[in-house]
N, C-alpha and C. Protein backbone atom coordinates (compact mmCIF):
# COMPACT_ATOMS: atom_id res chain seq x y z
N UNK A 1 -34.63 -13.30 0.63
CA UNK A 1 -33.51 -13.31 -0.04
C UNK A 1 -32.42 -13.88 -0.08
N UNK A 2 -32.39 -13.91 -1.09
CA UNK A 2 -30.65 -14.43 -1.75
C UNK A 2 -29.77 -13.29 -1.12
N UNK A 3 -28.21 -13.48 -1.13
CA UNK A 3 -27.72 -12.04 -0.91
C UNK A 3 -27.89 -11.43 -3.04
N UNK A 4 -27.22 -13.04 -3.50
CA UNK A 4 -27.70 -12.25 -4.92
C UNK A 4 -28.57 -10.99 -4.89
N UNK A 5 -29.87 -11.67 -4.89
CA UNK A 5 -31.01 -10.92 -5.13
C UNK A 5 -30.60 -9.75 -4.45
N UNK A 6 -30.41 -9.49 -3.31
CA UNK A 6 -30.24 -8.08 -2.36
C UNK A 6 -29.69 -6.95 -2.95
N UNK A 7 -27.74 -7.58 -4.03
CA UNK A 7 -27.05 -6.94 -4.38
C UNK A 7 -28.37 -6.75 -6.29
N UNK A 8 -28.56 -7.45 -6.74
CA UNK A 8 -29.58 -6.97 -7.89
C UNK A 8 -30.81 -5.59 -7.82
N UNK A 9 -30.82 -5.61 -5.91
CA UNK A 9 -32.08 -5.54 -5.64
C UNK A 9 -31.74 -3.47 -5.98
N UNK A 10 -30.47 -4.05 -4.49
CA UNK A 10 -29.68 -2.49 -4.17
C UNK A 10 -29.17 -1.73 -6.00
N UNK A 11 -28.48 -2.85 -6.83
CA UNK A 11 -28.64 -2.13 -7.99
C UNK A 11 -29.54 -1.60 -8.83
N UNK A 12 -30.68 -2.37 -8.36
CA UNK A 12 -31.85 -1.02 -9.79
C UNK A 12 -32.05 0.10 -8.90
N UNK A 13 -32.20 -0.32 -7.05
CA UNK A 13 -32.18 0.93 -6.55
C UNK A 13 -31.16 2.61 -6.75
N UNK A 14 -29.47 1.80 -7.21
CA UNK A 14 -29.05 2.87 -8.06
C UNK A 14 -28.96 3.68 -8.83
N UNK A 15 -29.35 2.44 -9.75
CA UNK A 15 -29.84 3.10 -11.21
C UNK A 15 -30.20 4.39 -11.38
N UNK A 16 -31.53 3.87 -10.46
CA UNK A 16 -32.72 4.54 -10.40
C UNK A 16 -32.26 6.25 -9.96
N UNK A 17 -31.29 6.47 -9.47
CA UNK A 17 -30.80 7.35 -8.61
C UNK A 17 -29.64 8.01 -8.58
N UNK A 18 -29.14 7.47 -9.93
CA UNK A 18 -27.89 7.51 -10.10
C UNK A 18 -27.32 8.72 -11.41
N UNK A 19 -26.88 9.66 -10.42
CA UNK A 19 -26.76 11.34 -11.30
C UNK A 19 -25.31 11.48 -11.91
N UNK A 20 -24.98 9.87 -12.21
CA UNK A 20 -23.34 10.26 -13.14
C UNK A 20 -23.51 9.84 -14.84
N UNK A 21 -23.30 10.22 -15.35
CA UNK A 21 -23.92 9.53 -16.69
C UNK A 21 -22.21 8.71 -17.46
N UNK A 22 -22.49 9.44 -18.59
CA UNK A 22 -21.56 7.71 -19.05
C UNK A 22 -19.84 8.44 -18.40
N UNK A 23 -18.73 7.99 -17.54
CA UNK A 23 -17.81 8.81 -17.59
C UNK A 23 -16.40 8.11 -18.81
N UNK A 24 -15.78 9.09 -18.72
CA UNK A 24 -14.70 8.33 -19.88
C UNK A 24 -13.66 7.09 -19.32
N UNK A 25 -13.75 6.41 -20.01
CA UNK A 25 -12.42 5.09 -19.73
C UNK A 25 -11.72 5.19 -18.68
N UNK A 26 -10.66 5.89 -19.41
CA UNK A 26 -9.28 6.23 -17.95
C UNK A 26 -9.85 7.02 -17.25
N UNK A 27 -8.89 6.54 -15.82
CA UNK A 27 -9.61 7.49 -14.75
C UNK A 27 -8.84 8.69 -14.59
N UNK A 28 -9.49 9.95 -14.36
CA UNK A 28 -9.31 11.59 -14.02
C UNK A 28 -7.92 11.78 -13.48
N UNK A 29 -7.91 10.75 -12.28
CA UNK A 29 -7.18 10.96 -11.47
C UNK A 29 -5.44 10.70 -11.71
N UNK A 30 -5.66 9.70 -13.71
CA UNK A 30 -4.77 8.71 -13.63
C UNK A 30 -3.96 7.82 -12.00
N UNK A 31 -4.62 7.42 -11.75
CA UNK A 31 -4.07 6.49 -10.46
C UNK A 31 -4.94 5.68 -9.92
N UNK A 32 -3.88 4.47 -9.22
CA UNK A 32 -4.91 3.42 -8.94
C UNK A 32 -3.77 2.96 -7.73
N UNK A 33 -4.63 2.16 -7.18
CA UNK A 33 -4.56 1.88 -6.07
C UNK A 33 -5.10 0.74 -5.90
N UNK A 34 -3.80 -0.35 -5.12
CA UNK A 34 -3.89 -1.49 -4.93
C UNK A 34 -4.39 -1.81 -3.91
N UNK A 35 -4.92 -2.40 -3.03
CA UNK A 35 -5.49 -2.32 -1.94
C UNK A 35 -6.18 -3.95 -1.47
N UNK A 36 -6.36 -4.05 -0.38
CA UNK A 36 -6.57 -5.31 -0.16
C UNK A 36 -8.55 -5.88 0.24
N UNK A 37 -8.66 -7.11 0.06
CA UNK A 37 -10.49 -7.41 -0.49
C UNK A 37 -10.27 -7.36 0.75
N UNK A 38 -10.66 -6.79 2.23
CA UNK A 38 -10.56 -7.09 3.04
C UNK A 38 -12.13 -5.72 3.11
N UNK A 39 -13.67 -7.05 3.53
CA UNK A 39 -14.43 -5.74 3.45
C UNK A 39 -15.06 -5.21 4.07
N UNK A 40 -13.42 -4.33 5.14
CA UNK A 40 -13.32 -2.90 6.39
C UNK A 40 -12.77 -1.82 5.30
N UNK A 41 -12.82 -2.20 4.33
CA UNK A 41 -12.32 -1.01 3.87
C UNK A 41 -13.32 -0.10 2.50
N UNK A 42 -13.64 0.75 2.72
CA UNK A 42 -14.17 1.08 1.77
C UNK A 42 -13.24 2.59 1.04
N UNK A 43 -12.49 1.66 0.15
CA UNK A 43 -12.21 2.68 -1.11
C UNK A 43 -12.45 3.79 -0.79
N UNK A 44 -13.25 4.43 -1.44
CA UNK A 44 -14.45 5.21 -1.82
C UNK A 44 -13.80 6.91 -0.58
N UNK A 45 -15.05 6.02 0.05
CA UNK A 45 -14.53 6.85 1.71
C UNK A 45 -13.23 7.14 2.54
N UNK A 46 -12.88 5.98 2.45
CA UNK A 46 -11.37 6.00 3.05
C UNK A 46 -10.34 7.05 2.01
N UNK A 47 -10.46 7.04 1.46
CA UNK A 47 -9.53 8.19 0.06
C UNK A 47 -9.85 8.61 -0.69
N UNK A 48 -10.95 9.23 -0.64
CA UNK A 48 -11.12 10.40 -1.20
C UNK A 48 -11.62 10.22 -2.87
N UNK A 49 -11.81 9.20 -3.42
CA UNK A 49 -11.88 8.39 -4.30
C UNK A 49 -12.49 8.99 -4.52
N UNK A 50 -13.76 9.37 -5.89
CA UNK A 50 -15.02 9.35 -6.57
C UNK A 50 -14.78 8.50 -7.48
N UNK A 51 -16.21 8.54 -8.78
CA UNK A 51 -16.59 7.63 -9.26
C UNK A 51 -15.59 8.53 -10.86
N UNK A 52 -15.14 7.80 -11.25
CA UNK A 52 -14.17 7.73 -13.06
C UNK A 52 -13.03 8.60 -12.06
N UNK A 53 -12.60 8.34 -11.08
CA UNK A 53 -10.82 9.36 -10.42
C UNK A 53 -9.95 8.58 -10.52
N UNK A 54 -10.36 6.71 -10.08
CA UNK A 54 -9.46 5.80 -9.99
C UNK A 54 -9.53 4.47 -10.60
N UNK A 55 -8.21 3.33 -10.77
CA UNK A 55 -8.07 2.38 -10.84
C UNK A 55 -8.11 1.44 -9.67
N UNK A 56 -9.05 1.07 -9.04
CA UNK A 56 -9.20 0.17 -7.61
C UNK A 56 -8.29 -1.46 -7.59
N UNK A 57 -7.36 -1.57 -7.23
CA UNK A 57 -7.82 -2.70 -7.37
C UNK A 57 -7.24 -3.81 -6.36
N UNK A 58 -8.33 -4.80 -5.84
CA UNK A 58 -8.31 -5.11 -4.64
C UNK A 58 -7.88 -6.92 -5.01
N UNK A 59 -7.06 -7.20 -3.67
CA UNK A 59 -6.49 -8.70 -3.83
C UNK A 59 -6.63 -9.33 -1.89
N UNK A 60 -6.09 -10.64 -1.78
CA UNK A 60 -6.27 -10.59 -0.46
C UNK A 60 -4.56 -10.16 -0.30
N UNK A 61 -4.20 -9.11 0.83
CA UNK A 61 -3.32 -8.20 1.18
C UNK A 61 -2.82 -7.77 0.15
N UNK A 62 -3.23 -7.01 -0.48
CA UNK A 62 -2.93 -6.00 -0.86
C UNK A 62 -1.45 -6.13 -1.87
N UNK A 63 -2.00 -7.06 -2.54
CA UNK A 63 -0.12 -8.18 -3.34
C UNK A 63 -0.28 -7.69 -4.53
N UNK A 64 1.08 -6.93 -4.59
CA UNK A 64 2.20 -6.22 -6.01
C UNK A 64 1.95 -6.96 -7.26
N UNK A 65 3.06 -8.54 -6.78
CA UNK A 65 3.20 -9.65 -7.11
C UNK A 65 1.51 -10.18 -8.15
N UNK A 66 0.59 -10.05 -7.32
CA UNK A 66 -0.78 -11.05 -7.95
C UNK A 66 -1.22 -10.24 -8.78
N UNK A 67 -1.02 -8.41 -8.32
CA UNK A 67 -2.09 -7.54 -8.64
C UNK A 67 -0.95 -7.07 -10.20
N UNK A 68 -0.02 -7.94 -10.99
CA UNK A 68 0.74 -6.94 -12.36
C UNK A 68 -0.27 -6.89 -13.24
N UNK A 69 -0.52 -8.15 -13.74
CA UNK A 69 -1.43 -8.18 -14.97
C UNK A 69 -2.21 -6.91 -14.98
N UNK A 70 -3.46 -6.39 -13.99
CA UNK A 70 -3.98 -5.23 -13.83
C UNK A 70 -3.27 -3.46 -13.88
N UNK A 71 -2.21 -3.99 -13.43
CA UNK A 71 -1.10 -2.84 -13.25
C UNK A 71 -0.94 -2.89 -14.60
N UNK A 72 -0.25 -3.73 -14.94
CA UNK A 72 -0.03 -3.15 -16.82
C UNK A 72 -0.89 -2.42 -17.21
N UNK A 73 -2.22 -2.67 -17.39
CA UNK A 73 -3.37 -3.02 -17.67
C UNK A 73 -3.57 -1.66 -17.92
N UNK A 74 -3.48 -1.21 -16.65
CA UNK A 74 -4.32 -0.25 -15.70
C UNK A 74 -3.10 1.40 -16.28
N UNK A 75 -1.65 1.36 -16.30
CA UNK A 75 -0.58 1.87 -16.85
C UNK A 75 -0.18 2.09 -18.21
N UNK A 76 -0.37 0.74 -18.96
CA UNK A 76 -0.12 0.90 -20.69
C UNK A 76 -1.20 1.32 -21.28
N UNK A 77 -2.08 0.58 -21.27
CA UNK A 77 -3.46 0.89 -22.16
C UNK A 77 -4.36 1.90 -21.42
N UNK A 78 -4.33 2.38 -20.61
CA UNK A 78 -5.16 3.81 -19.50
C UNK A 78 -4.82 4.54 -19.54
N UNK A 79 -3.24 4.80 -19.34
CA UNK A 79 -2.91 5.77 -19.00
C UNK A 79 -2.49 6.40 -17.33
N UNK A 80 -2.29 5.75 -16.33
CA UNK A 80 -2.53 5.56 -15.22
C UNK A 80 -0.96 5.62 -15.39
N UNK A 81 -0.27 7.13 -13.94
CA UNK A 81 0.73 7.02 -13.76
C UNK A 81 0.85 7.72 -12.02
N UNK A 82 0.14 6.61 -11.43
CA UNK A 82 0.33 6.83 -9.59
C UNK A 82 -0.11 5.70 -9.55
N UNK A 83 0.50 5.15 -8.24
CA UNK A 83 -0.01 3.66 -7.85
C UNK A 83 -0.22 3.82 -6.16
N UNK A 84 -0.46 3.49 -5.73
CA UNK A 84 -0.95 3.71 -4.00
C UNK A 84 -0.56 2.26 -3.75
N UNK A 85 0.20 1.61 -3.03
CA UNK A 85 -0.29 0.14 -2.44
C UNK A 85 -0.61 0.51 -1.02
N UNK A 86 -1.06 -0.12 -0.69
CA UNK A 86 -2.51 0.08 0.56
C UNK A 86 -2.88 -1.08 1.40
N UNK A 87 -1.79 -1.50 2.32
CA UNK A 87 -2.00 -2.37 2.72
C UNK A 87 -2.89 -2.26 4.51
N UNK A 88 -3.33 -3.11 5.27
CA UNK A 88 -4.32 -2.29 6.57
C UNK A 88 -3.63 -3.17 7.74
N UNK A 89 -3.75 -2.66 8.83
CA UNK A 89 -3.75 -3.51 9.98
C UNK A 89 -4.16 -3.89 9.74
N UNK A 90 -4.19 -5.74 11.08
CA UNK A 90 -5.55 -6.69 11.32
C UNK A 90 -5.70 -7.34 10.34
N UNK A 91 -4.46 -7.60 9.10
CA UNK A 91 -5.28 -8.44 7.43
C UNK A 91 -4.99 -9.76 8.61
N UNK A 92 -6.00 -10.22 7.49
CA UNK A 92 -6.01 -11.94 7.64
C UNK A 92 -4.57 -12.78 7.16
N UNK A 93 -3.68 -12.31 6.04
CA UNK A 93 -2.13 -12.14 5.91
C UNK A 93 -1.38 -12.71 6.90
N UNK A 94 -1.86 -11.64 7.95
CA UNK A 94 -0.26 -11.70 9.21
C UNK A 94 -0.72 -13.73 10.12
N UNK A 95 -1.96 -13.65 9.64
CA UNK A 95 -2.22 -15.57 10.18
C UNK A 95 -1.82 -15.81 9.99
N UNK A 96 -1.43 -16.96 8.75
CA UNK A 96 -1.23 -18.29 8.33
C UNK A 96 0.33 -18.29 7.62
N UNK A 97 0.42 -18.80 6.84
CA UNK A 97 1.54 -19.52 6.35
C UNK A 97 0.99 -20.05 5.59
N UNK A 98 1.60 -20.12 3.91
CA UNK A 98 1.28 -21.37 2.77
C UNK A 98 0.75 -23.07 2.64
N UNK A 99 1.48 -23.70 3.34
CA UNK A 99 1.32 -24.85 3.54
C UNK A 99 0.30 -25.27 4.59
N UNK A 100 -0.68 -23.94 5.63
CA UNK A 100 -0.99 -24.13 6.58
C UNK A 100 -2.19 -23.98 5.36
N UNK A 101 -2.89 -23.35 5.16
CA UNK A 101 -3.62 -22.82 4.48
C UNK A 101 -3.73 -23.88 3.61
N UNK A 102 -3.01 -23.89 2.63
CA UNK A 102 -2.72 -25.59 2.02
C UNK A 102 -3.68 -26.80 2.30
N UNK A 103 -3.83 -26.76 3.49
CA UNK A 103 -4.19 -27.77 4.70
C UNK A 103 -5.06 -27.24 4.91
N UNK A 104 -6.48 -26.42 5.05
CA UNK A 104 -7.50 -25.62 5.18
C UNK A 104 -8.09 -26.13 4.01
N UNK A 105 -7.92 -25.65 3.04
CA UNK A 105 -8.47 -25.53 1.10
C UNK A 105 -8.77 -27.29 1.40
N UNK A 106 -7.94 -27.83 1.41
CA UNK A 106 -7.72 -29.29 1.01
C UNK A 106 -8.89 -29.92 2.22
N UNK A 107 -9.03 -29.74 3.34
CA UNK A 107 -9.96 -30.44 4.59
C UNK A 107 -11.05 -30.08 3.84
N UNK A 108 -11.42 -28.51 3.20
CA UNK A 108 -12.75 -28.05 2.99
C UNK A 108 -13.00 -28.51 1.83
N UNK A 109 -12.65 -28.84 0.67
CA UNK A 109 -13.07 -29.73 -0.51
C UNK A 109 -12.61 -30.92 -0.44
N UNK A 110 -12.20 -31.60 0.64
CA UNK A 110 -11.87 -32.86 0.67
C UNK A 110 -12.57 -34.21 -0.61
N UNK A 111 -13.15 -34.38 -0.81
CA UNK A 111 -13.73 -35.07 -2.03
C UNK A 111 -13.57 -34.86 -3.35
N UNK A 112 -13.94 -33.35 -3.31
CA UNK A 112 -14.26 -32.52 -4.30
C UNK A 112 -12.96 -32.21 -5.16
N UNK A 113 -11.61 -32.63 -4.33
CA UNK A 113 -10.26 -32.32 -4.73
C UNK A 113 -10.04 -33.25 -5.65
N UNK A 114 -9.94 -33.06 -6.64
CA UNK A 114 -8.85 -34.40 -7.49
C UNK A 114 -8.19 -33.98 -7.44
N UNK A 115 -7.11 -35.03 -8.57
CA UNK A 115 -5.69 -34.75 -8.56
C UNK A 115 -5.34 -33.75 -9.39
N UNK A 116 -5.93 -33.19 -10.18
CA UNK A 116 -5.00 -31.60 -10.82
C UNK A 116 -6.29 -30.60 -9.77
N UNK A 117 -7.01 -30.97 -8.71
CA UNK A 117 -6.99 -29.23 -8.17
C UNK A 117 -5.96 -30.16 -6.94
N UNK A 118 -5.42 -31.19 -6.80
CA UNK A 118 -4.46 -31.14 -5.32
C UNK A 118 -3.43 -30.36 -6.06
N UNK A 119 -2.97 -30.83 -7.52
CA UNK A 119 -1.77 -30.36 -8.01
C UNK A 119 -2.11 -29.01 -7.86
N UNK A 120 -2.86 -27.95 -8.59
CA UNK A 120 -3.29 -26.69 -9.05
C UNK A 120 -2.57 -26.09 -7.03
N UNK A 121 -3.42 -26.67 -5.88
CA UNK A 121 -3.23 -25.85 -4.55
C UNK A 121 -2.14 -26.42 -4.52
N UNK A 122 -1.34 -27.47 -5.19
CA UNK A 122 0.15 -27.64 -4.15
C UNK A 122 1.20 -26.41 -5.21
N UNK A 123 0.46 -25.59 -5.75
CA UNK A 123 1.28 -24.86 -7.03
C UNK A 123 1.47 -23.69 -6.01
N UNK A 124 -0.28 -23.33 -5.55
CA UNK A 124 -0.69 -22.30 -5.26
C UNK A 124 -0.06 -21.43 -3.71
N UNK A 125 0.64 -20.08 -4.09
CA UNK A 125 1.38 -19.38 -3.36
C UNK A 125 0.60 -19.06 -2.73
N UNK A 126 0.13 -18.59 -1.20
CA UNK A 126 -1.37 -17.36 -1.09
C UNK A 126 -0.59 -15.79 -0.73
N UNK A 127 0.94 -15.65 -0.70
CA UNK A 127 1.53 -14.44 -0.94
C UNK A 127 1.43 -14.49 0.75
N UNK A 128 0.98 -15.04 1.77
CA UNK A 128 1.07 -14.05 2.89
C UNK A 128 2.52 -13.40 3.27
N UNK A 129 2.34 -12.99 4.45
CA UNK A 129 3.31 -12.35 5.23
C UNK A 129 3.33 -12.26 6.67
N UNK A 130 4.78 -11.77 7.38
CA UNK A 130 4.86 -11.75 8.91
C UNK A 130 4.23 -10.20 9.36
N UNK A 131 5.21 -9.43 8.52
CA UNK A 131 5.05 -7.96 9.06
C UNK A 131 4.54 -7.60 7.20
N UNK A 132 3.22 -6.48 8.23
CA UNK A 132 2.79 -5.25 7.53
C UNK A 132 3.79 -4.48 6.86
N UNK A 133 4.32 -3.84 7.28
CA UNK A 133 5.13 -2.50 7.47
C UNK A 133 5.77 -3.11 6.31
N UNK A 134 6.49 -4.54 5.93
CA UNK A 134 7.99 -4.90 5.30
C UNK A 134 7.36 -5.11 4.31
N UNK A 135 6.33 -5.37 4.25
CA UNK A 135 5.64 -6.35 2.98
C UNK A 135 5.07 -4.76 2.50
N UNK A 136 4.86 -4.19 2.65
CA UNK A 136 4.48 -3.27 1.78
C UNK A 136 5.53 -2.42 1.68
N UNK A 137 6.56 -2.11 2.33
CA UNK A 137 7.56 -1.64 1.44
C UNK A 137 8.05 -2.24 0.70
N UNK A 138 8.20 -3.86 0.43
CA UNK A 138 8.99 -4.78 -0.11
C UNK A 138 7.40 -4.72 -1.85
N UNK A 139 6.25 -4.45 -1.79
CA UNK A 139 5.73 -4.50 -3.23
C UNK A 139 5.55 -3.20 -3.73
N UNK A 140 6.20 -2.03 -3.40
CA UNK A 140 6.27 -0.89 -3.44
C UNK A 140 7.76 -0.81 -4.24
N UNK A 141 9.06 -1.84 -3.50
CA UNK A 141 10.12 -2.00 -4.06
C UNK A 141 10.19 -2.55 -5.40
N UNK A 142 9.36 -4.55 -5.38
CA UNK A 142 9.25 -4.83 -5.92
C UNK A 142 8.98 -3.89 -7.47
N UNK A 143 7.59 -3.06 -7.07
CA UNK A 143 6.78 -2.64 -8.50
C UNK A 143 7.67 -1.44 -9.18
N UNK A 144 8.82 -0.86 -7.94
CA UNK A 144 9.51 0.37 -8.52
C UNK A 144 10.61 -0.28 -9.33
N UNK A 145 10.70 -1.41 -9.03
CA UNK A 145 12.67 -2.79 -9.86
C UNK A 145 11.42 -3.32 -11.33
N UNK A 146 9.99 -3.16 -11.12
CA UNK A 146 9.61 -4.39 -12.56
C UNK A 146 9.69 -3.83 -13.69
N UNK A 147 9.89 -4.22 -14.25
CA UNK A 147 10.58 -3.41 -15.68
C UNK A 147 8.61 -3.36 -16.48
N UNK A 148 8.01 -4.57 -16.26
CA UNK A 148 6.85 -3.55 -17.30
C UNK A 148 6.15 -2.59 -16.42
N UNK A 149 6.13 -1.75 -15.44
CA UNK A 149 6.17 -0.55 -15.41
C UNK A 149 6.33 0.14 -15.50
N UNK A 150 5.84 1.36 -15.65
CA UNK A 150 6.44 2.74 -16.28
C UNK A 150 7.15 2.86 -16.17
N UNK A 151 8.64 3.45 -16.53
CA UNK A 151 9.19 4.24 -14.91
C UNK A 151 8.93 5.40 -14.91
N UNK A 152 9.50 5.76 -13.78
CA UNK A 152 8.99 7.59 -13.59
C UNK A 152 7.08 7.53 -13.13
N UNK A 153 6.48 5.97 -12.98
CA UNK A 153 5.61 6.19 -11.93
C UNK A 153 5.68 6.37 -10.28
N UNK A 154 4.80 7.83 -10.03
CA UNK A 154 4.56 7.70 -8.70
C UNK A 154 4.21 6.80 -7.82
N UNK A 155 5.37 5.48 -7.31
CA UNK A 155 4.64 4.68 -6.82
C UNK A 155 4.84 5.60 -4.85
N UNK A 156 3.90 4.48 -4.14
CA UNK A 156 4.33 4.70 -2.62
C UNK A 156 3.24 4.00 -2.19
N UNK A 157 3.68 3.30 -0.52
CA UNK A 157 3.34 2.76 -0.02
C UNK A 157 2.94 2.79 0.88
N UNK A 158 1.45 2.54 1.52
CA UNK A 158 1.14 3.15 2.96
C UNK A 158 0.67 1.72 3.63
N UNK A 159 -0.43 2.10 5.36
CA UNK A 159 -0.13 1.36 5.49
C UNK A 159 -2.12 1.78 6.76
N UNK A 160 -3.37 1.98 6.17
CA UNK A 160 -4.54 1.95 6.78
C UNK A 160 -5.21 1.07 8.20
N UNK A 161 -5.44 1.29 8.70
CA UNK A 161 -5.83 1.08 10.39
C UNK A 161 -7.52 1.36 10.02
N UNK A 162 -8.12 -0.19 10.15
CA UNK A 162 -8.96 -0.28 10.33
C UNK A 162 -10.11 0.19 11.31
N UNK A 163 -9.00 0.44 12.53
CA UNK A 163 -9.88 0.35 13.40
C UNK A 163 -10.64 2.27 13.02
N UNK A 164 -8.68 2.95 12.97
CA UNK A 164 -9.14 4.57 13.34
C UNK A 164 -9.73 5.25 12.29
N UNK A 165 -9.44 4.37 10.80
CA UNK A 165 -9.41 5.27 9.45
C UNK A 165 -8.16 5.62 9.22
N UNK A 166 -7.20 6.01 9.65
CA UNK A 166 -6.07 6.95 9.48
C UNK A 166 -5.01 5.94 8.45
N UNK A 167 -4.60 6.67 7.41
CA UNK A 167 -3.59 6.48 6.27
C UNK A 167 -2.70 6.64 7.20
N UNK A 168 -1.29 5.61 6.88
CA UNK A 168 0.09 6.71 7.36
C UNK A 168 0.84 5.81 6.16
N UNK A 169 1.46 7.25 5.62
CA UNK A 169 2.80 6.27 4.73
C UNK A 169 3.58 5.18 5.27
N UNK A 170 4.48 4.48 4.69
CA UNK A 170 5.40 3.76 4.83
C UNK A 170 6.56 3.24 4.04
N UNK A 171 6.23 3.85 2.65
CA UNK A 171 7.22 3.57 1.66
C UNK A 171 6.77 4.99 0.49
């Protein structure tokens, strides 16, 4: 069975056992969590979020510049007023720089990478970082100074340890 069919099957089991009815569109806790897409992070379990509580935005490295569109929608259209930026230990974004990533992608795409694709790749900033704690603090500062984020938003930065599960505030 393909992974996609396994997911569809799991969804059927979820639907048949689901106890939660239709929840309101805005998150009940007015919370947005920006965290990494890393599969070792389970935001529901690790951060005490229940269905309907929060928006969870995930991208590579939990990067705020990459999440602005979603954060603006979360705040301006759906009323959230708290943002947690949560990076994590052992993040893959610490292991490369943009030129290396571009080389890897170009090599793997091979002949499938036409001139348009090469131009897109050349303009892509992978938003890697050399220091986790500094990056989280920098992204918090970025959001606090961003004019599209509501004034008086409670914004804080955290690091999740993928080994212990511990969450520590850094900004």
